[in-house]
Amino acid sequence: EKDEPGGEVRVTYRELLELTCRLGNTLKRQGVKPGDRVTIYMPPCPLAVASMLACARIGAVHTVVFAGFSAESLADRIQD
């Protein structure tokens, strides 16, 4: 569900799997390997979920940071 009332997005398991695989392949093409660390900075949405699953699928460690953090707080979380 989105922040606005009535704003929801429905995704089937098949659509989620396809998006996850595409994102995983994109990450691999960008040089992300098992054990690499990835920070996902995006609002809660199906794409964010697929991004987390894609990292797990290729063996990359991920952390999620949602919007609203200051630049310093974001840098601290990335560094951690």
N, C-alpha and C. Protein backbone atom coordinates (compact mmCIF):
# COMPACT_ATOMS: atom_id res chain seq x y z
N GLU A 1 0.83 -1.19 0.00
CA GLU A 1 0.00 0.00 0.00
C GLU A 1 0.86 1.24 0.00
N LYS A 2 0.39 2.22 -0.70
CA LYS A 2 1.09 3.50 -0.73
C LYS A 2 0.59 4.36 0.42
N ASP A 3 1.22 5.50 0.60
CA ASP A 3 0.84 6.40 1.68
C ASP A 3 -0.55 6.97 1.49
N GLU A 4 -0.94 7.18 0.25
CA GLU A 4 -2.25 7.77 -0.03
C GLU A 4 -3.33 6.69 0.12
N PRO A 5 -4.48 7.06 0.68
CA PRO A 5 -5.56 6.09 0.79
C PRO A 5 -5.99 5.57 -0.58
N GLY A 6 -6.21 4.28 -0.66
CA GLY A 6 -6.65 3.67 -1.91
C GLY A 6 -5.53 3.45 -2.91
N GLY A 7 -4.33 3.81 -2.56
CA GLY A 7 -3.20 3.66 -3.48
C GLY A 7 -2.46 2.38 -3.19
N GLU A 8 -2.91 1.30 -3.77
CA GLU A 8 -2.23 0.03 -3.55
C GLU A 8 -1.78 -0.55 -4.88
N VAL A 9 -0.73 -1.35 -4.81
CA VAL A 9 -0.20 -2.01 -5.98
C VAL A 9 -0.22 -3.50 -5.70
N ARG A 10 -0.80 -4.25 -6.60
CA ARG A 10 -0.85 -5.71 -6.44
C ARG A 10 0.16 -6.33 -7.40
N VAL A 11 0.92 -7.27 -6.86
CA VAL A 11 1.93 -7.95 -7.65
C VAL A 11 1.77 -9.45 -7.42
N THR A 12 1.76 -10.21 -8.48
CA THR A 12 1.68 -11.66 -8.33
C THR A 12 3.07 -12.21 -7.99
N TYR A 13 3.10 -13.43 -7.50
CA TYR A 13 4.38 -14.06 -7.21
C TYR A 13 5.22 -14.18 -8.47
N ARG A 14 4.59 -14.46 -9.59
CA ARG A 14 5.30 -14.58 -10.86
C ARG A 14 5.93 -13.24 -11.25
N GLU A 15 5.16 -12.16 -11.12
CA GLU A 15 5.69 -10.82 -11.44
C GLU A 15 6.85 -10.47 -10.51
N LEU A 16 6.71 -10.81 -9.24
CA LEU A 16 7.77 -10.52 -8.28
C LEU A 16 9.03 -11.32 -8.61
N LEU A 17 8.86 -12.59 -8.98
CA LEU A 17 10.01 -13.41 -9.35
C LEU A 17 10.70 -12.86 -10.59
N GLU A 18 9.93 -12.48 -11.60
CA GLU A 18 10.52 -11.94 -12.82
C GLU A 18 11.29 -10.65 -12.55
N LEU A 19 10.71 -9.76 -11.75
CA LEU A 19 11.37 -8.51 -11.40
C LEU A 19 12.63 -8.78 -10.58
N THR A 20 12.54 -9.72 -9.65
CA THR A 20 13.69 -10.08 -8.82
C THR A 20 14.83 -10.61 -9.68
N CYS A 21 14.52 -11.49 -10.62
CA CYS A 21 15.55 -12.05 -11.49
C CYS A 21 16.19 -10.97 -12.36
N ARG A 22 15.37 -10.07 -12.91
CA ARG A 22 15.91 -8.98 -13.73
C ARG A 22 16.85 -8.09 -12.91
N LEU A 23 16.42 -7.76 -11.68
CA LEU A 23 17.26 -6.92 -10.83
C LEU A 23 18.55 -7.65 -10.43
N GLY A 24 18.43 -8.93 -10.14
CA GLY A 24 19.63 -9.72 -9.82
C GLY A 24 20.62 -9.73 -10.96
N ASN A 25 20.12 -9.92 -12.17
CA ASN A 25 21.00 -9.91 -13.35
C ASN A 25 21.62 -8.53 -13.56
N THR A 26 20.85 -7.49 -13.31
CA THR A 26 21.38 -6.13 -13.44
C THR A 26 22.49 -5.89 -12.42
N LEU A 27 22.26 -6.33 -11.19
CA LEU A 27 23.30 -6.17 -10.15
C LEU A 27 24.56 -6.93 -10.55
N LYS A 28 24.41 -8.15 -11.06
CA LYS A 28 25.58 -8.93 -11.48
C LYS A 28 26.33 -8.24 -12.62
N ARG A 29 25.58 -7.67 -13.57
CA ARG A 29 26.22 -6.94 -14.68
C ARG A 29 26.97 -5.71 -14.17
N GLN A 30 26.52 -5.15 -13.06
CA GLN A 30 27.19 -3.99 -12.47
C GLN A 30 28.38 -4.41 -11.60
N GLY A 31 28.61 -5.71 -11.49
CA GLY A 31 29.78 -6.20 -10.77
C GLY A 31 29.52 -6.62 -9.34
N VAL A 32 28.27 -6.68 -8.92
CA VAL A 32 27.96 -7.11 -7.55
C VAL A 32 28.12 -8.63 -7.49
N LYS A 33 28.89 -9.10 -6.48
CA LYS A 33 29.18 -10.52 -6.33
C LYS A 33 28.72 -11.00 -4.96
N PRO A 34 28.64 -12.31 -4.77
CA PRO A 34 28.29 -12.83 -3.44
C PRO A 34 29.23 -12.26 -2.38
N GLY A 35 28.66 -11.82 -1.28
CA GLY A 35 29.44 -11.24 -0.19
C GLY A 35 29.58 -9.73 -0.28
N ASP A 36 29.30 -9.14 -1.44
CA ASP A 36 29.35 -7.67 -1.55
C ASP A 36 28.23 -7.06 -0.72
N ARG A 37 28.41 -5.81 -0.36
CA ARG A 37 27.39 -5.09 0.42
C ARG A 37 26.67 -4.10 -0.48
N VAL A 38 25.34 -4.08 -0.34
CA VAL A 38 24.49 -3.21 -1.16
C VAL A 38 23.56 -2.44 -0.23
N THR A 39 23.48 -1.14 -0.41
CA THR A 39 22.52 -0.32 0.33
C THR A 39 21.37 0.01 -0.60
N ILE A 40 20.16 -0.29 -0.16
CA ILE A 40 18.96 -0.01 -0.94
C ILE A 40 18.30 1.21 -0.33
N TYR A 41 18.23 2.29 -1.09
CA TYR A 41 17.67 3.56 -0.62
C TYR A 41 16.48 3.90 -1.49
N MET A 42 15.31 3.48 -1.06
CA MET A 42 14.09 3.74 -1.81
C MET A 42 12.89 3.60 -0.89
N PRO A 43 11.76 4.15 -1.30
CA PRO A 43 10.56 4.06 -0.46
C PRO A 43 10.01 2.63 -0.47
N PRO A 44 9.19 2.29 0.52
CA PRO A 44 8.59 0.96 0.52
C PRO A 44 7.67 0.79 -0.70
N CYS A 45 8.00 -0.18 -1.54
CA CYS A 45 7.23 -0.44 -2.76
C CYS A 45 7.63 -1.82 -3.27
N PRO A 46 6.91 -2.36 -4.22
CA PRO A 46 7.27 -3.67 -4.75
C PRO A 46 8.71 -3.73 -5.30
N LEU A 47 9.18 -2.64 -5.88
CA LEU A 47 10.54 -2.61 -6.41
C LEU A 47 11.57 -2.76 -5.28
N ALA A 48 11.30 -2.17 -4.13
CA ALA A 48 12.20 -2.30 -2.98
C ALA A 48 12.24 -3.75 -2.51
N VAL A 49 11.09 -4.39 -2.46
CA VAL A 49 11.04 -5.80 -2.05
C VAL A 49 11.82 -6.66 -3.04
N ALA A 50 11.61 -6.43 -4.32
CA ALA A 50 12.33 -7.19 -5.34
C ALA A 50 13.84 -6.93 -5.25
N SER A 51 14.23 -5.72 -4.91
CA SER A 51 15.66 -5.40 -4.76
C SER A 51 16.28 -6.18 -3.62
N MET A 52 15.56 -6.26 -2.50
CA MET A 52 16.06 -7.05 -1.36
C MET A 52 16.19 -8.52 -1.74
N LEU A 53 15.17 -9.04 -2.40
CA LEU A 53 15.19 -10.45 -2.82
C LEU A 53 16.29 -10.71 -3.84
N ALA A 54 16.54 -9.76 -4.73
CA ALA A 54 17.59 -9.92 -5.74
C ALA A 54 18.96 -10.00 -5.07
N CYS A 55 19.18 -9.15 -4.07
CA CYS A 55 20.46 -9.21 -3.34
C CYS A 55 20.62 -10.57 -2.67
N ALA A 56 19.57 -11.03 -2.02
CA ALA A 56 19.64 -12.33 -1.35
C ALA A 56 19.87 -13.44 -2.37
N ARG A 57 19.25 -13.32 -3.51
CA ARG A 57 19.34 -14.35 -4.55
C ARG A 57 20.77 -14.50 -5.08
N ILE A 58 21.50 -13.39 -5.18
CA ILE A 58 22.87 -13.48 -5.70
C ILE A 58 23.91 -13.56 -4.57
N GLY A 59 23.45 -13.53 -3.33
CA GLY A 59 24.36 -13.68 -2.20
C GLY A 59 25.00 -12.40 -1.71
N ALA A 60 24.45 -11.26 -2.11
CA ALA A 60 24.97 -9.98 -1.63
C ALA A 60 24.28 -9.61 -0.32
N VAL A 61 25.05 -9.04 0.58
CA VAL A 61 24.49 -8.57 1.85
C VAL A 61 23.84 -7.22 1.58
N HIS A 62 22.62 -7.03 2.06
CA HIS A 62 21.95 -5.76 1.81
C HIS A 62 21.44 -5.13 3.09
N THR A 63 21.34 -3.82 3.03
CA THR A 63 20.72 -3.05 4.10
C THR A 63 19.73 -2.10 3.43
N VAL A 64 18.66 -1.81 4.14
CA VAL A 64 17.61 -0.96 3.58
C VAL A 64 17.55 0.34 4.36
N VAL A 65 17.58 1.44 3.65
CA VAL A 65 17.46 2.77 4.25
C VAL A 65 16.33 3.48 3.53
N PHE A 66 15.28 3.80 4.25
CA PHE A 66 14.16 4.49 3.63
C PHE A 66 14.38 5.99 3.67
N ALA A 67 13.75 6.69 2.76
CA ALA A 67 13.89 8.15 2.64
C ALA A 67 13.54 8.83 3.97
N GLY A 68 14.07 9.99 4.17
CA GLY A 68 13.77 10.76 5.36
C GLY A 68 14.99 10.91 6.28
N PHE A 69 16.08 10.22 5.97
CA PHE A 69 17.29 10.35 6.77
C PHE A 69 18.12 11.52 6.26
N SER A 70 18.81 12.17 7.17
CA SER A 70 19.72 13.25 6.75
C SER A 70 20.91 12.63 6.04
N ALA A 71 21.67 13.45 5.35
CA ALA A 71 22.84 12.96 4.62
C ALA A 71 23.83 12.30 5.58
N GLU A 72 24.00 12.88 6.76
CA GLU A 72 24.93 12.33 7.75
C GLU A 72 24.44 10.97 8.27
N SER A 73 23.15 10.89 8.57
CA SER A 73 22.59 9.62 9.04
C SER A 73 22.69 8.55 7.98
N LEU A 74 22.45 8.94 6.73
CA LEU A 74 22.56 7.98 5.63
C LEU A 74 24.00 7.50 5.51
N ALA A 75 24.95 8.40 5.58
CA ALA A 75 26.38 8.02 5.49
C ALA A 75 26.76 7.07 6.63
N ASP A 76 26.27 7.34 7.84
CA ASP A 76 26.54 6.46 8.98
C ASP A 76 26.01 5.06 8.75
N ARG A 77 24.81 4.96 8.23
CA ARG A 77 24.21 3.65 7.98
C ARG A 77 24.95 2.89 6.88
N ILE A 78 25.37 3.60 5.86
CA ILE A 78 26.13 2.96 4.79
C ILE A 78 27.46 2.47 5.32
N GLN A 79 28.11 3.29 6.14
CA GLN A 79 29.40 2.92 6.70
C GLN A 79 29.28 1.70 7.62
N ASP A 80 28.19 1.64 8.41
CA ASP A 80 27.98 0.49 9.30
C ASP A 80 27.83 -0.77 8.50
